Amino acid sequence: MTEGDAVPGVGAAVHDTARDRSGRVEEHVGPRCRVRPFSGGRTWDADPAELRPLGQDELLRILVAEANARSSRDM
């Protein structure tokens, strides 16, 4: 996000450009956001200026890849 943009809301699907990771905003802690990977797991702190919202096509691609990975592990 660029300066002047709103901080992404809780539940927003975002890409952290500093870490090259995607997830959902879980909460705001001071000036930072806590982001959890779509597959679950540990959250990380992110600078809102380094977060960009995911487009619908990006989000769908990530969610399908996660579902495929889960189904492969369950076999």
N, C-alpha and C. Protein backbone atom coordinates (compact mmCIF):
# COMPACT_ATOMS: atom_id res chain seq x y z
N MET A 1 0.84 -1.17 0.00
CA MET A 1 0.00 0.00 0.00
C MET A 1 0.89 1.24 0.00
N THR A 2 0.44 2.26 -0.61
CA THR A 2 1.23 3.47 -0.64
C THR A 2 0.79 4.40 0.48
N GLU A 3 1.67 5.31 0.81
CA GLU A 3 1.37 6.26 1.88
C GLU A 3 0.07 6.97 1.55
N GLY A 4 -0.77 7.12 2.56
CA GLY A 4 -2.06 7.76 2.35
C GLY A 4 -3.17 6.74 2.14
N ASP A 5 -2.83 5.50 1.79
CA ASP A 5 -3.83 4.45 1.66
C ASP A 5 -4.28 4.04 3.05
N ALA A 6 -5.48 3.53 3.12
CA ALA A 6 -6.00 3.06 4.40
C ALA A 6 -5.29 1.76 4.79
N VAL A 7 -5.19 1.54 6.07
CA VAL A 7 -4.65 0.28 6.58
C VAL A 7 -5.67 -0.81 6.23
N PRO A 8 -5.21 -1.97 5.72
CA PRO A 8 -6.17 -3.02 5.36
C PRO A 8 -6.92 -3.49 6.60
N GLY A 9 -8.20 -3.74 6.44
CA GLY A 9 -9.04 -4.16 7.54
C GLY A 9 -8.80 -5.60 7.93
N VAL A 10 -9.26 -5.94 9.13
CA VAL A 10 -9.19 -7.32 9.60
C VAL A 10 -9.98 -8.19 8.62
N GLY A 11 -9.37 -9.29 8.21
CA GLY A 11 -9.99 -10.21 7.25
C GLY A 11 -9.58 -9.96 5.81
N ALA A 12 -8.89 -8.85 5.55
CA ALA A 12 -8.48 -8.54 4.18
C ALA A 12 -7.42 -9.52 3.71
N ALA A 13 -7.54 -9.94 2.44
CA ALA A 13 -6.54 -10.81 1.81
C ALA A 13 -5.45 -9.90 1.24
N VAL A 14 -4.21 -10.11 1.68
CA VAL A 14 -3.12 -9.21 1.30
C VAL A 14 -1.87 -9.99 0.91
N HIS A 15 -0.98 -9.29 0.19
CA HIS A 15 0.34 -9.82 -0.13
C HIS A 15 1.36 -8.90 0.53
N ASP A 16 2.25 -9.48 1.33
CA ASP A 16 3.32 -8.73 2.00
C ASP A 16 4.49 -8.68 1.03
N THR A 17 4.72 -7.53 0.43
CA THR A 17 5.77 -7.41 -0.59
C THR A 17 7.16 -7.51 0.01
N ALA A 18 7.31 -7.21 1.29
CA ALA A 18 8.63 -7.31 1.94
C ALA A 18 9.03 -8.76 2.15
N ARG A 19 8.05 -9.64 2.40
CA ARG A 19 8.34 -11.05 2.67
C ARG A 19 7.94 -11.97 1.53
N ASP A 20 7.27 -11.43 0.53
CA ASP A 20 6.75 -12.22 -0.59
C ASP A 20 5.89 -13.37 -0.08
N ARG A 21 4.96 -13.02 0.83
CA ARG A 21 4.02 -13.98 1.41
C ARG A 21 2.63 -13.38 1.37
N SER A 22 1.62 -14.25 1.33
CA SER A 22 0.24 -13.79 1.31
C SER A 22 -0.51 -14.38 2.48
N GLY A 23 -1.57 -13.69 2.89
CA GLY A 23 -2.40 -14.17 3.99
C GLY A 23 -3.54 -13.21 4.26
N ARG A 24 -4.18 -13.41 5.41
CA ARG A 24 -5.29 -12.55 5.83
C ARG A 24 -4.85 -11.74 7.05
N VAL A 25 -5.28 -10.49 7.09
CA VAL A 25 -5.01 -9.64 8.25
C VAL A 25 -5.83 -10.16 9.42
N GLU A 26 -5.15 -10.50 10.51
CA GLU A 26 -5.80 -11.03 11.71
C GLU A 26 -6.16 -9.93 12.70
N GLU A 27 -5.26 -8.96 12.85
CA GLU A 27 -5.49 -7.88 13.80
C GLU A 27 -4.49 -6.76 13.55
N HIS A 28 -4.74 -5.65 14.20
CA HIS A 28 -3.82 -4.51 14.17
C HIS A 28 -3.19 -4.40 15.54
N VAL A 29 -1.88 -4.28 15.58
CA VAL A 29 -1.14 -4.12 16.83
C VAL A 29 -0.30 -2.86 16.67
N GLY A 30 -0.74 -1.80 17.31
CA GLY A 30 -0.05 -0.53 17.13
C GLY A 30 -0.11 -0.15 15.66
N PRO A 31 1.01 0.27 15.10
CA PRO A 31 1.02 0.68 13.70
C PRO A 31 1.18 -0.49 12.72
N ARG A 32 1.27 -1.72 13.22
CA ARG A 32 1.54 -2.87 12.37
C ARG A 32 0.31 -3.76 12.25
N CYS A 33 0.34 -4.63 11.25
CA CYS A 33 -0.72 -5.63 11.04
C CYS A 33 -0.16 -7.00 11.36
N ARG A 34 -0.99 -7.86 11.91
CA ARG A 34 -0.64 -9.27 12.10
C ARG A 34 -1.33 -10.02 10.97
N VAL A 35 -0.54 -10.79 10.20
CA VAL A 35 -1.06 -11.51 9.04
C VAL A 35 -0.85 -13.00 9.25
N ARG A 36 -1.88 -13.79 8.94
CA ARG A 36 -1.79 -15.25 9.06
C ARG A 36 -1.84 -15.85 7.66
N PRO A 37 -0.96 -16.82 7.37
CA PRO A 37 -1.00 -17.48 6.06
C PRO A 37 -2.36 -18.13 5.82
N PHE A 38 -2.77 -18.23 4.58
CA PHE A 38 -4.05 -18.86 4.26
C PHE A 38 -4.10 -20.31 4.72
N SER A 39 -2.96 -20.98 4.73
CA SER A 39 -2.92 -22.38 5.13
C SER A 39 -2.91 -22.55 6.65
N GLY A 40 -2.99 -21.45 7.36
CA GLY A 40 -2.90 -21.50 8.82
C GLY A 40 -1.45 -21.35 9.23
N GLY A 41 -1.19 -21.52 10.49
CA GLY A 41 0.18 -21.41 10.96
C GLY A 41 0.41 -20.10 11.67
N ARG A 42 1.67 -19.78 11.84
CA ARG A 42 2.08 -18.63 12.63
C ARG A 42 1.84 -17.32 11.90
N THR A 43 1.37 -16.36 12.66
CA THR A 43 1.21 -15.02 12.10
C THR A 43 2.55 -14.30 12.05
N TRP A 44 2.61 -13.25 11.28
CA TRP A 44 3.80 -12.41 11.25
C TRP A 44 3.37 -10.95 11.29
N ASP A 45 4.26 -10.11 11.77
CA ASP A 45 4.02 -8.67 11.79
C ASP A 45 4.37 -8.09 10.43
N ALA A 46 3.53 -7.19 9.96
CA ALA A 46 3.78 -6.57 8.66
C ALA A 46 3.53 -5.07 8.75
N ASP A 47 4.33 -4.33 8.02
CA ASP A 47 4.16 -2.90 7.89
C ASP A 47 3.03 -2.67 6.88
N PRO A 48 1.97 -1.98 7.25
CA PRO A 48 0.85 -1.77 6.32
C PRO A 48 1.28 -1.15 4.99
N ALA A 49 2.36 -0.37 4.99
CA ALA A 49 2.85 0.24 3.75
C ALA A 49 3.40 -0.80 2.79
N GLU A 50 3.72 -2.00 3.28
CA GLU A 50 4.26 -3.06 2.44
C GLU A 50 3.22 -4.11 2.08
N LEU A 51 1.96 -3.86 2.42
CA LEU A 51 0.88 -4.78 2.09
C LEU A 51 0.10 -4.24 0.91
N ARG A 52 -0.26 -5.15 0.01
CA ARG A 52 -1.15 -4.76 -1.08
C ARG A 52 -2.30 -5.75 -1.11
N PRO A 53 -3.48 -5.26 -1.43
CA PRO A 53 -4.62 -6.18 -1.49
C PRO A 53 -4.45 -7.17 -2.63
N LEU A 54 -4.93 -8.38 -2.41
CA LEU A 54 -4.89 -9.39 -3.47
C LEU A 54 -6.09 -9.20 -4.39
N GLY A 55 -5.85 -9.38 -5.67
CA GLY A 55 -6.94 -9.39 -6.63
C GLY A 55 -7.71 -10.70 -6.53
N GLN A 56 -8.91 -10.72 -7.07
CA GLN A 56 -9.74 -11.92 -7.02
C GLN A 56 -9.04 -13.12 -7.66
N ASP A 57 -8.37 -12.89 -8.80
CA ASP A 57 -7.70 -14.00 -9.48
C ASP A 57 -6.53 -14.53 -8.66
N GLU A 58 -5.77 -13.63 -8.01
CA GLU A 58 -4.65 -14.06 -7.16
C GLU A 58 -5.16 -14.87 -5.97
N LEU A 59 -6.20 -14.36 -5.32
CA LEU A 59 -6.76 -15.04 -4.16
C LEU A 59 -7.27 -16.43 -4.53
N LEU A 60 -8.00 -16.53 -5.63
CA LEU A 60 -8.52 -17.82 -6.07
C LEU A 60 -7.38 -18.80 -6.35
N ARG A 61 -6.33 -18.34 -7.03
CA ARG A 61 -5.17 -19.20 -7.33
C ARG A 61 -4.54 -19.73 -6.04
N ILE A 62 -4.37 -18.86 -5.06
CA ILE A 62 -3.76 -19.27 -3.78
C ILE A 62 -4.64 -20.27 -3.05
N LEU A 63 -5.94 -20.00 -2.99
CA LEU A 63 -6.85 -20.90 -2.27
C LEU A 63 -6.95 -22.27 -2.94
N VAL A 64 -6.94 -22.30 -4.27
CA VAL A 64 -6.97 -23.59 -4.98
C VAL A 64 -5.68 -24.36 -4.73
N ALA A 65 -4.54 -23.66 -4.75
CA ALA A 65 -3.26 -24.33 -4.49
C ALA A 65 -3.24 -24.90 -3.07
N GLU A 66 -3.76 -24.16 -2.10
CA GLU A 66 -3.82 -24.64 -0.71
C GLU A 66 -4.72 -25.88 -0.61
N ALA A 67 -5.88 -25.85 -1.27
CA ALA A 67 -6.79 -27.00 -1.24
C ALA A 67 -6.14 -28.22 -1.89
N ASN A 68 -5.44 -28.03 -3.00
CA ASN A 68 -4.74 -29.13 -3.65
C ASN A 68 -3.65 -29.71 -2.76
N ALA A 69 -2.92 -28.84 -2.08
CA ALA A 69 -1.85 -29.31 -1.18
C ALA A 69 -2.45 -30.12 -0.04
N ARG A 70 -3.57 -29.65 0.52
CA ARG A 70 -4.21 -30.39 1.62
C ARG A 70 -4.69 -31.75 1.15
N SER A 71 -5.29 -31.81 -0.05
CA SER A 71 -5.81 -33.09 -0.52
C SER A 71 -4.67 -34.07 -0.81
N SER A 72 -3.51 -33.58 -1.23
CA SER A 72 -2.36 -34.45 -1.46
C SER A 72 -1.83 -35.04 -0.16
N ARG A 73 -1.85 -34.22 0.90
CA ARG A 73 -1.36 -34.69 2.21
C ARG A 73 -2.31 -35.71 2.83
N ASP A 74 -3.61 -35.59 2.52
CA ASP A 74 -4.61 -36.47 3.13
C ASP A 74 -4.66 -37.85 2.50
N MET A 75 -3.95 -38.07 1.42
CA MET A 75 -4.00 -39.36 0.73
C MET A 75 -3.19 -40.39 1.44
